[in-house]
Every structure is written in C-alpha cells, then in structure tokens.
Amino acid sequence: MDINIREHIINNFHGDDFQTLKKAIDEAVKNMDEVTLPGLGVFLEIIWEDASLELKNEMIEIIRKRVQKGLEKDNL
C-alpha cells in the first residue's frame, strides 16, 4: 500500500481554523510523541516553502541555538 504522508496530513487538517492548528502543534510539541514528528515535518515544509529569506534565516538560527543547547546538556 502506497501512503503519501504529506497528502494525508494536509488533508487531515484541511479546513481547520487557526485555533485547531495551534492546538495540534502545541500538543504535539508538549507531548513529544514520536508519531507526530512526520506531521510537524510537513508543517515545517509548508512554512519553509512560503517563508521569506529573513524568516528562513531566523528559523535556522533558532534551530542552531537549540541544537547547540541540547549538545551542551548532553556533555554535562
């Protein structure tokens, strides 16, 4: 069976309002559930495709800083 994760996730949230999307993202991040990672990845892909260069650079810097913090914690 061929499953298109991107299409499934987009269809699953199609028509949802701001609050529903925010709640889904907040819960996925809060619960740290591995099952939600593909969905968050699709959301990031959507953001990335429509983001300005400035927003992309800001997101990369946030990720870089958080990854560095995570590495620092692991080295304690």
PDB file of N, CA and C in Angstrom:
ATOM      1  N   MET A   1       0.842  -1.178   0.000  1.00  0.00           N
ATOM      2  CA  MET A   1       0.000   0.000   0.000  1.00  0.00           C
ATOM      3  C   MET A   1       0.891   1.246   0.000  1.00  0.00           C
ATOM      4  N   ASP A   2       0.635   2.181  -0.902  1.00  0.00           N
ATOM      5  CA  ASP A   2       1.408   3.399  -1.030  1.00  0.00           C
ATOM      6  C   ASP A   2       0.717   4.514  -0.251  1.00  0.00           C
ATOM      7  N   ILE A   3       1.374   4.996   0.794  1.00  0.00           N
ATOM      8  CA  ILE A   3       0.802   6.043   1.628  1.00  0.00           C
ATOM      9  C   ILE A   3       1.606   7.319   1.428  1.00  0.00           C
ATOM     10  N   ASN A   4       0.938   8.395   1.076  1.00  0.00           N
ATOM     11  CA  ASN A   4       1.580   9.688   0.927  1.00  0.00           C
ATOM     12  C   ASN A   4       1.329  10.457   2.220  1.00  0.00           C
ATOM     13  N   ILE A   5       2.352  10.517   3.076  1.00  0.00           N
ATOM     14  CA  ILE A   5       2.205  11.144   4.389  1.00  0.00           C
ATOM     15  C   ILE A   5       1.853  12.618   4.255  1.00  0.00           C
ATOM     16  N   ARG A   6       2.538  13.321   3.360  1.00  0.00           N
ATOM     17  CA  ARG A   6       2.254  14.748   3.185  1.00  0.00           C
ATOM     18  C   ARG A   6       0.777  14.974   2.840  1.00  0.00           C
ATOM     19  N   GLU A   7       0.311  14.231   1.852  1.00  0.00           N
ATOM     20  CA  GLU A   7      -1.071  14.389   1.405  1.00  0.00           C
ATOM     21  C   GLU A   7      -2.049  14.052   2.535  1.00  0.00           C
ATOM     22  N   HIS A   8      -1.767  12.988   3.259  1.00  0.00           N
ATOM     23  CA  HIS A   8      -2.645  12.584   4.365  1.00  0.00           C
ATOM     24  C   HIS A   8      -2.723  13.678   5.427  1.00  0.00           C
ATOM     25  N   ILE A   9      -1.580  14.212   5.810  1.00  0.00           N
ATOM     26  CA  ILE A   9      -1.555  15.228   6.862  1.00  0.00           C
ATOM     27  C   ILE A   9      -2.253  16.500   6.393  1.00  0.00           C
ATOM     28  N   ILE A  10      -1.968  16.930   5.185  1.00  0.00           N
ATOM     29  CA  ILE A  10      -2.610  18.135   4.653  1.00  0.00           C
ATOM     30  C   ILE A  10      -4.122  17.937   4.577  1.00  0.00           C
ATOM     31  N   ASN A  11      -4.559  16.789   4.081  1.00  0.00           N
ATOM     32  CA  ASN A  11      -5.995  16.508   4.012  1.00  0.00           C
ATOM     33  C   ASN A  11      -6.625  16.441   5.396  1.00  0.00           C
ATOM     34  N   ASN A  12      -5.883  15.900   6.365  1.00  0.00           N
ATOM     35  CA  ASN A  12      -6.390  15.766   7.728  1.00  0.00           C
ATOM     36  C   ASN A  12      -6.659  17.132   8.368  1.00  0.00           C
ATOM     37  N   PHE A  13      -5.858  18.141   8.020  1.00  0.00           N
ATOM     38  CA  PHE A  13      -6.011  19.468   8.622  1.00  0.00           C
ATOM     39  C   PHE A  13      -6.691  20.467   7.689  1.00  0.00           C
ATOM     40  N   HIS A  14      -7.019  20.047   6.483  1.00  0.00           N
ATOM     41  CA  HIS A  14      -7.660  20.938   5.507  1.00  0.00           C
ATOM     42  C   HIS A  14      -8.939  21.524   6.099  1.00  0.00           C
ATOM     43  N   GLY A  15      -9.043  22.821   6.044  1.00  0.00           N
ATOM     44  CA  GLY A  15     -10.250  23.495   6.528  1.00  0.00           C
ATOM     45  C   GLY A  15     -10.235  23.823   8.009  1.00  0.00           C
ATOM     46  N   ASP A  16      -9.218  23.356   8.737  1.00  0.00           N
ATOM     47  CA  ASP A  16      -9.155  23.664  10.167  1.00  0.00           C
ATOM     48  C   ASP A  16      -8.823  25.136  10.380  1.00  0.00           C
ATOM     49  N   ASP A  17      -9.340  25.683  11.460  1.00  0.00           N
ATOM     50  CA  ASP A  17      -9.095  27.087  11.757  1.00  0.00           C
ATOM     51  C   ASP A  17      -7.781  27.264  12.524  1.00  0.00           C
ATOM     52  N   PHE A  18      -7.448  28.513  12.781  1.00  0.00           N
ATOM     53  CA  PHE A  18      -6.204  28.879  13.458  1.00  0.00           C
ATOM     54  C   PHE A  18      -6.053  28.149  14.788  1.00  0.00           C
ATOM     55  N   GLN A  19      -7.089  28.196  15.610  1.00  0.00           N
ATOM     56  CA  GLN A  19      -7.009  27.604  16.948  1.00  0.00           C
ATOM     57  C   GLN A  19      -6.809  26.091  16.889  1.00  0.00           C
ATOM     58  N   THR A  20      -7.448  25.421  15.959  1.00  0.00           N
ATOM     59  CA  THR A  20      -7.298  23.967  15.829  1.00  0.00           C
ATOM     60  C   THR A  20      -5.868  23.610  15.440  1.00  0.00           C
ATOM     61  N   LEU A  21      -5.319  24.352  14.477  1.00  0.00           N
ATOM     62  CA  LEU A  21      -3.930  24.109  14.069  1.00  0.00           C
ATOM     63  C   LEU A  21      -2.963  24.402  15.212  1.00  0.00           C
ATOM     64  N   LYS A  22      -3.167  25.510  15.907  1.00  0.00           N
ATOM     65  CA  LYS A  22      -2.297  25.867  17.034  1.00  0.00           C
ATOM     66  C   LYS A  22      -2.346  24.795  18.111  1.00  0.00           C
ATOM     67  N   LYS A  23      -3.540  24.336  18.428  1.00  0.00           N
ATOM     68  CA  LYS A  23      -3.696  23.309  19.453  1.00  0.00           C
ATOM     69  C   LYS A  23      -2.996  22.017  19.040  1.00  0.00           C
ATOM     70  N   ALA A  24      -3.136  21.628  17.787  1.00  0.00           N
ATOM     71  CA  ALA A  24      -2.483  20.402  17.305  1.00  0.00           C
ATOM     72  C   ALA A  24      -0.966  20.509  17.420  1.00  0.00           C
ATOM     73  N   ILE A  25      -0.417  21.662  17.044  1.00  0.00           N
ATOM     74  CA  ILE A  25       1.033  21.860  17.123  1.00  0.00           C
ATOM     75  C   ILE A  25       1.478  21.908  18.575  1.00  0.00           C
ATOM     76  N   ASP A  26       0.781  22.681  19.401  1.00  0.00           N
ATOM     77  CA  ASP A  26       1.140  22.778  20.821  1.00  0.00           C
ATOM     78  C   ASP A  26       1.129  21.410  21.497  1.00  0.00           C
ATOM     79  N   GLU A  27       0.104  20.614  21.249  1.00  0.00           N
ATOM     80  CA  GLU A  27       0.007  19.293  21.862  1.00  0.00           C
ATOM     81  C   GLU A  27       1.100  18.354  21.358  1.00  0.00           C
ATOM     82  N   ALA A  28       1.406  18.418  20.074  1.00  0.00           N
ATOM     83  CA  ALA A  28       2.451  17.565  19.516  1.00  0.00           C
ATOM     84  C   ALA A  28       3.803  17.889  20.146  1.00  0.00           C
ATOM     85  N   VAL A  29       4.093  19.161  20.310  1.00  0.00           N
ATOM     86  CA  VAL A  29       5.370  19.568  20.906  1.00  0.00           C
ATOM     87  C   VAL A  29       5.391  19.232  22.395  1.00  0.00           C
ATOM     88  N   LYS A  30       4.304  19.512  23.088  1.00  0.00           N
ATOM     89  CA  LYS A  30       4.227  19.268  24.532  1.00  0.00           C
ATOM     90  C   LYS A  30       4.372  17.779  24.859  1.00  0.00           C
ATOM     91  N   ASN A  31       3.678  16.938  24.099  1.00  0.00           N
ATOM     92  CA  ASN A  31       3.670  15.501  24.390  1.00  0.00           C
ATOM     93  C   ASN A  31       4.922  14.783  23.905  1.00  0.00           C
ATOM     94  N   MET A  32       5.693  15.432  23.031  1.00  0.00           N
ATOM     95  CA  MET A  32       6.920  14.841  22.498  1.00  0.00           C
ATOM     96  C   MET A  32       6.671  13.431  21.956  1.00  0.00           C
ATOM     97  N   ASP A  33       5.548  13.279  21.286  1.00  0.00           N
ATOM     98  CA  ASP A  33       5.142  11.991  20.739  1.00  0.00           C
ATOM     99  C   ASP A  33       5.823  11.764  19.396  1.00  0.00           C
ATOM    100  N   GLU A  34       6.566  10.680  19.269  1.00  0.00           N
ATOM    101  CA  GLU A  34       7.285  10.367  18.034  1.00  0.00           C
ATOM    102  C   GLU A  34       6.345  10.237  16.842  1.00  0.00           C
ATOM    103  N   VAL A  35       5.122   9.839  17.075  1.00  0.00           N
ATOM    104  CA  VAL A  35       4.159   9.642  15.998  1.00  0.00           C
ATOM    105  C   VAL A  35       3.818  10.965  15.314  1.00  0.00           C
ATOM    106  N   THR A  36       3.891  12.070  16.050  1.00  0.00           N
ATOM    107  CA  THR A  36       3.531  13.363  15.477  1.00  0.00           C
ATOM    108  C   THR A  36       4.678  14.024  14.712  1.00  0.00           C
ATOM    109  N   LEU A  37       5.875  13.480  14.790  1.00  0.00           N
ATOM    110  CA  LEU A  37       7.013  14.102  14.109  1.00  0.00           C
ATOM    111  C   LEU A  37       6.823  14.248  12.598  1.00  0.00           C
ATOM    112  N   PRO A  38       6.294  13.253  11.904  1.00  0.00           N
ATOM    113  CA  PRO A  38       6.078  13.456  10.470  1.00  0.00           C
ATOM    114  C   PRO A  38       5.133  14.624  10.172  1.00  0.00           C
ATOM    115  N   GLY A  39       4.107  14.780  10.975  1.00  0.00           N
ATOM    116  CA  GLY A  39       3.175  15.885  10.778  1.00  0.00           C
ATOM    117  C   GLY A  39       3.842  17.231  10.997  1.00  0.00           C
ATOM    118  N   LEU A  40       4.658  17.318  12.035  1.00  0.00           N
ATOM    119  CA  LEU A  40       5.378  18.559  12.280  1.00  0.00           C
ATOM    120  C   LEU A  40       6.368  18.832  11.152  1.00  0.00           C
ATOM    121  N   GLY A  41       6.937  17.780  10.616  1.00  0.00           N
ATOM    122  CA  GLY A  41       7.834  17.930   9.476  1.00  0.00           C
ATOM    123  C   GLY A  41       7.115  18.469   8.251  1.00  0.00           C
ATOM    124  N   VAL A  42       5.910  18.000   8.016  1.00  0.00           N
ATOM    125  CA  VAL A  42       5.109  18.508   6.888  1.00  0.00           C
ATOM    126  C   VAL A  42       4.775  19.978   7.126  1.00  0.00           C
ATOM    127  N   PHE A  43       4.416  20.328   8.358  1.00  0.00           N
ATOM    128  CA  PHE A  43       4.130  21.729   8.664  1.00  0.00           C
ATOM    129  C   PHE A  43       5.368  22.594   8.433  1.00  0.00           C
ATOM    130  N   LEU A  44       6.542  22.112   8.858  1.00  0.00           N
ATOM    131  CA  LEU A  44       7.771  22.863   8.634  1.00  0.00           C
ATOM    132  C   LEU A  44       8.032  23.032   7.139  1.00  0.00           C
ATOM    133  N   GLU A  45       7.812  21.982   6.386  1.00  0.00           N
ATOM    134  CA  GLU A  45       7.990  22.055   4.940  1.00  0.00           C
ATOM    135  C   GLU A  45       7.075  23.121   4.322  1.00  0.00           C
ATOM    136  N   ILE A  46       5.831  23.171   4.766  1.00  0.00           N
ATOM    137  CA  ILE A  46       4.874  24.162   4.264  1.00  0.00           C
ATOM    138  C   ILE A  46       5.364  25.573   4.602  1.00  0.00           C
ATOM    139  N   ILE A  47       5.792  25.756   5.839  1.00  0.00           N
ATOM    140  CA  ILE A  47       6.298  27.066   6.261  1.00  0.00           C
ATOM    141  C   ILE A  47       7.513  27.441   5.422  1.00  0.00           C
ATOM    142  N   TRP A  48       8.436  26.511   5.291  1.00  0.00           N
ATOM    143  CA  TRP A  48       9.688  26.768   4.583  1.00  0.00           C
ATOM    144  C   TRP A  48       9.436  27.207   3.139  1.00  0.00           C
ATOM    145  N   GLU A  49       8.500  26.537   2.474  1.00  0.00           N
ATOM    146  CA  GLU A  49       8.212  26.853   1.073  1.00  0.00           C
ATOM    147  C   GLU A  49       7.692  28.275   0.891  1.00  0.00           C
ATOM    148  N   ASP A  50       6.987  28.797   1.880  1.00  0.00           N
ATOM    149  CA  ASP A  50       6.388  30.130   1.751  1.00  0.00           C
ATOM    150  C   ASP A  50       7.123  31.210   2.543  1.00  0.00           C
ATOM    151  N   ALA A  51       8.179  30.844   3.241  1.00  0.00           N
ATOM    152  CA  ALA A  51       8.884  31.796   4.106  1.00  0.00           C
ATOM    153  C   ALA A  51       9.819  32.691   3.299  1.00  0.00           C
ATOM    154  N   SER A  52       9.947  33.901   3.784  1.00  0.00           N
ATOM    155  CA  SER A  52      10.929  34.824   3.210  1.00  0.00           C
ATOM    156  C   SER A  52      12.325  34.366   3.624  1.00  0.00           C
ATOM    157  N   LEU A  53      13.325  34.899   2.966  1.00  0.00           N
ATOM    158  CA  LEU A  53      14.712  34.573   3.329  1.00  0.00           C
ATOM    159  C   LEU A  53      14.980  34.966   4.778  1.00  0.00           C
ATOM    160  N   GLU A  54      14.431  36.095   5.198  1.00  0.00           N
ATOM    161  CA  GLU A  54      14.611  36.560   6.576  1.00  0.00           C
ATOM    162  C   GLU A  54      14.024  35.556   7.573  1.00  0.00           C
ATOM    163  N   LEU A  55      12.824  35.077   7.313  1.00  0.00           N
ATOM    164  CA  LEU A  55      12.192  34.106   8.212  1.00  0.00           C
ATOM    165  C   LEU A  55      12.959  32.785   8.209  1.00  0.00           C
ATOM    166  N   LYS A  56      13.405  32.344   7.048  1.00  0.00           N
ATOM    167  CA  LYS A  56      14.209  31.112   6.981  1.00  0.00           C
ATOM    168  C   LYS A  56      15.472  31.248   7.810  1.00  0.00           C
ATOM    169  N   ASN A  57      16.156  32.387   7.679  1.00  0.00           N
ATOM    170  CA  ASN A  57      17.379  32.598   8.459  1.00  0.00           C
ATOM    171  C   ASN A  57      17.087  32.613   9.951  1.00  0.00           C
ATOM    172  N   GLU A  58      15.971  33.219  10.329  1.00  0.00           N
ATOM    173  CA  GLU A  58      15.584  33.264  11.745  1.00  0.00           C
ATOM    174  C   GLU A  58      15.298  31.850  12.264  1.00  0.00           C
ATOM    175  N   MET A  59      14.596  31.052  11.480  1.00  0.00           N
ATOM    176  CA  MET A  59      14.292  29.679  11.903  1.00  0.00           C
ATOM    177  C   MET A  59      15.569  28.858  12.029  1.00  0.00           C
ATOM    178  N   ILE A  60      16.473  29.014  11.071  1.00  0.00           N
ATOM    179  CA  ILE A  60      17.736  28.273  11.136  1.00  0.00           C
ATOM    180  C   ILE A  60      18.511  28.666  12.387  1.00  0.00           C
ATOM    181  N   GLU A  61      18.530  29.935  12.706  1.00  0.00           N
ATOM    182  CA  GLU A  61      19.257  30.392  13.903  1.00  0.00           C
ATOM    183  C   GLU A  61      18.622  29.838  15.175  1.00  0.00           C
ATOM    184  N   ILE A  62      17.309  29.807  15.239  1.00  0.00           N
ATOM    185  CA  ILE A  62      16.623  29.220  16.404  1.00  0.00           C
ATOM    186  C   ILE A  62      16.989  27.746  16.532  1.00  0.00           C
ATOM    187  N   ILE A  63      16.927  27.029  15.422  1.00  0.00           N
ATOM    188  CA  ILE A  63      17.266  25.601  15.442  1.00  0.00           C
ATOM    189  C   ILE A  63      18.718  25.404  15.849  1.00  0.00           C
ATOM    190  N   ARG A  64      19.616  26.195  15.265  1.00  0.00           N
ATOM    191  CA  ARG A  64      21.045  26.070  15.579  1.00  0.00           C
ATOM    192  C   ARG A  64      21.290  26.270  17.074  1.00  0.00           C
ATOM    193  N   LYS A  65      20.674  27.293  17.658  1.00  0.00           N
ATOM    194  CA  LYS A  65      20.858  27.580  19.082  1.00  0.00           C
ATOM    195  C   LYS A  65      20.307  26.459  19.946  1.00  0.00           C
ATOM    196  N   ARG A  66      19.118  25.943  19.614  1.00  0.00           N
ATOM    197  CA  ARG A  66      18.515  24.877  20.414  1.00  0.00           C
ATOM    198  C   ARG A  66      19.294  23.578  20.305  1.00  0.00           C
ATOM    199  N   VAL A  67      19.792  23.268  19.103  1.00  0.00           N
ATOM    200  CA  VAL A  67      20.597  22.063  18.925  1.00  0.00           C
ATOM    201  C   VAL A  67      21.885  22.196  19.743  1.00  0.00           C
ATOM    202  N   GLN A  68      22.488  23.373  19.718  1.00  0.00           N
ATOM    203  CA  GLN A  68      23.713  23.588  20.489  1.00  0.00           C
ATOM    204  C   GLN A  68      23.440  23.430  21.982  1.00  0.00           C
ATOM    205  N   LYS A  69      22.323  23.980  22.461  1.00  0.00           N
ATOM    206  CA  LYS A  69      21.961  23.804  23.871  1.00  0.00           C
ATOM    207  C   LYS A  69      21.801  22.334  24.211  1.00  0.00           C
ATOM    208  N   GLY A  70      21.157  21.593  23.320  1.00  0.00           N
ATOM    209  CA  GLY A  70      20.962  20.169  23.555  1.00  0.00           C
ATOM    210  C   GLY A  70      22.286  19.426  23.652  1.00  0.00           C
ATOM    211  N   LEU A  71      23.237  19.775  22.802  1.00  0.00           N
ATOM    212  CA  LEU A  71      24.549  19.149  22.849  1.00  0.00           C
ATOM    213  C   LEU A  71      25.273  19.511  24.127  1.00  0.00           C
ATOM    214  N   GLU A  72      25.146  20.757  24.562  1.00  0.00           N
ATOM    215  CA  GLU A  72      25.776  21.171  25.807  1.00  0.00           C
ATOM    216  C   GLU A  72      25.226  20.407  27.001  1.00  0.00           C
ATOM    217  N   LYS A  73      23.905  20.178  27.029  1.00  0.00           N
ATOM    218  CA  LYS A  73      23.299  19.398  28.121  1.00  0.00           C
ATOM    219  C   LYS A  73      23.837  17.992  28.131  1.00  0.00           C
ATOM    220  N   ASP A  74      23.994  17.386  26.946  1.00  0.00           N
ATOM    221  CA  ASP A  74      24.478  16.006  26.860  1.00  0.00           C
ATOM    222  C   ASP A  74      25.909  15.879  27.335  1.00  0.00           C
ATOM    223  N   ASN A  75      26.686  16.957  27.281  1.00  0.00           N
ATOM    224  CA  ASN A  75      28.091  16.891  27.652  1.00  0.00           C
ATOM    225  C   ASN A  75      28.323  17.175  29.127  1.00  0.00           C
ATOM    226  N   LEU A  76      27.294  17.428  29.895  1.00  0.00           N
ATOM    227  CA  LEU A  76      27.456  17.716  31.329  1.00  0.00           C
ATOM    228  C   LEU A  76      27.804  16.477  32.108  1.00  0.00           C
TER     229      LEU A  76
END
